[in-house]
Protein backbone atom coordinates (compact mmCIF):
# COMPACT_ATOMS: atom_id res chain seq x y z
CA MET A 1 -5.67 -18.46 4.07
CA THR A 2 -6.62 -18.26 7.84
CA ILE A 3 -5.02 -16.25 10.48
CA GLN A 4 -4.28 -19.20 11.67
CA GLU A 5 -2.49 -20.16 8.76
CA ALA A 6 -0.84 -16.24 8.48
CA GLN A 7 0.59 -15.98 11.89
CA LYS A 8 2.62 -18.96 11.44
CA GLN A 9 3.27 -18.41 7.84
CA VAL A 10 5.31 -15.11 9.48
CA ASP A 11 6.72 -16.79 12.25
CA ASN A 12 8.21 -19.59 9.16
CA TRP A 13 9.27 -16.36 8.08
CA ILE A 14 11.01 -14.99 10.44
CA LYS A 15 12.76 -17.83 11.68
CA LYS A 16 13.89 -18.92 7.93
CA TYR A 17 14.70 -15.25 6.78
CA GLY A 18 14.82 -12.64 9.29
CA VAL A 19 16.80 -14.50 11.93
CA ARG A 20 14.52 -13.61 14.85
CA TYR A 21 11.88 -10.68 15.64
CA PHE A 22 12.26 -7.52 16.15
CA ASN A 23 11.38 -6.05 19.53
CA GLU A 24 8.28 -5.50 20.57
CA LEU A 25 8.95 -1.73 20.44
CA THR A 26 10.61 -1.42 17.50
CA ASN A 27 7.49 -3.24 15.85
CA MET A 28 5.04 -0.55 17.16
CA ALA A 29 7.61 2.21 15.36
CA LEU A 30 7.21 -0.12 12.09
CA LEU A 31 3.41 -0.39 12.64
CA THR A 32 3.39 3.40 12.56
CA GLU A 33 5.39 4.30 9.86
CA GLU A 34 2.92 1.40 7.82
CA VAL A 35 0.30 2.83 9.17
CA GLY A 36 1.26 7.13 7.95
CA GLU A 37 2.42 5.44 5.10
CA LEU A 38 -1.53 3.88 4.55
CA ALA A 39 -2.98 8.02 5.11
CA ARG A 40 -0.51 9.88 2.92
CA ILE A 41 -1.90 7.29 0.12
CA ILE A 42 -5.44 7.77 1.36
CA ALA A 43 -5.26 11.62 1.79
CA ARG A 44 -3.94 11.95 -1.95
CA LYS A 45 -6.36 9.21 -3.83
CA HIS A 46 -9.92 10.40 -1.63
CA GLY A 47 -8.81 12.79 0.11
CA GLU A 48 -8.18 16.55 -0.93
CA GLN A 49 -4.42 16.41 -1.14
CA SER A 50 -2.90 14.87 -4.58
CA PHE A 51 0.63 13.14 -5.33
CA LYS A 52 3.50 15.48 -5.68
CA GLU A 53 5.66 14.84 -8.52
CA ASN A 54 8.29 12.65 -7.96
CA GLU A 55 5.68 10.29 -6.00
CA SER A 56 3.88 7.32 -7.30
CA ASP A 57 0.41 6.45 -6.78
CA THR A 58 1.54 3.30 -3.80
CA SER A 59 -0.58 0.09 -4.08
CA MET A 60 -3.20 0.48 -0.59
CA ALA A 61 -3.23 -3.16 -0.39
CA ASP A 62 0.28 -3.28 -0.19
CA GLU A 63 0.30 -0.42 2.26
CA LEU A 64 -2.41 -2.54 3.93
CA ALA A 65 -0.74 -6.08 3.70
CA ASP A 66 2.75 -4.21 5.19
CA ILE A 67 0.31 -3.15 8.24
CA LEU A 68 -0.82 -6.51 8.95
CA TRP A 69 2.57 -8.19 8.35
CA VAL A 70 3.22 -6.05 11.49
CA LEU A 71 0.30 -6.64 13.46
CA ILE A 72 1.18 -10.67 13.29
CA CYS A 73 4.38 -9.96 14.32
CA LEU A 74 3.58 -8.59 17.66
CA ALA A 75 0.67 -11.11 18.01
CA ASN A 76 3.64 -13.62 17.55
CA GLN A 77 6.15 -12.67 19.12
CA SER A 78 3.29 -11.67 22.74
CA GLY A 79 2.15 -14.76 22.18
CA ILE A 80 -1.37 -13.87 20.88
CA ASN A 81 -3.92 -15.74 18.33
CA LEU A 82 -5.07 -13.46 16.54
CA THR A 83 -8.39 -16.25 15.87
CA ASP A 84 -8.93 -16.33 19.26
CA ALA A 85 -8.59 -12.08 19.88
CA PHE A 86 -10.35 -11.24 16.85
CA GLU A 87 -13.24 -13.60 17.81
CA LYS A 88 -13.32 -12.59 21.27
CA ASN A 89 -13.36 -9.02 19.30
CA ILE A 90 -16.70 -8.97 17.78
CA ILE A 91 -18.47 -11.13 20.61
CA LYS A 92 -17.28 -7.81 22.58
CA LYS A 93 -18.96 -5.12 19.77
CA THR A 94 -21.58 -6.97 18.93
CA ASN A 95 -22.65 -6.50 22.79
CA ARG A 96 -21.84 -3.39 23.25
CA ASP A 97 -22.64 -1.83 20.04
CA ASN A 98 -25.43 -3.92 18.30
CA LYS A 99 -28.04 -0.82 18.52
CA ARG A 100 -25.53 2.58 18.72
CA HIS A 101 -24.74 2.71 15.15
CA LEU A 102 -28.65 1.42 13.75
CA GLU A 103 -29.99 4.44 15.82
CA ASN A 104 -27.62 6.40 15.55
CA GLU A 105 -29.12 9.53 12.64
CA LYS A 106 -25.79 10.86 11.68
CA ILE A 107 -25.20 7.91 9.79
CA THR A 108 -28.63 5.86 9.53
CA PRO A 109 -31.54 7.77 7.70
CA ASN A 110 -34.23 8.00 10.44
CA ASP A 111 -36.77 5.53 8.08
CA ARG A 112 -34.43 3.24 7.73
CA ARG A 113 -33.38 3.03 10.96
CA LYS A 114 -37.35 2.37 11.85
CA LYS A 115 -37.34 -0.72 9.72
CA LEU A 116 -34.14 -2.06 11.61
CA LEU A 117 -35.54 -1.96 15.01
């Protein structure tokens, strides 16, 4: 599925089952909530916290999909074509950061940096 197809599918679902989009402020709050749910899972799976006794091992994939859903809703209701926006974002990051990470001693060992440059 392309990003454009995902945007259309979400829009169709909203029109058929959701009545209307929640307003942008509500969707921003929902996005924050979903990111918090993902953070909880990551803290327990990869961090130092453990799952509580009554807490299930919730799916990261499901939480990421929830985040994507709300992002698509915000894009749709704001008239943003995410494919175009994402392509422009890759160009921006490439122009801005094309050497930044390769030259970062904290993440790239010195011998590898020399080979890449």
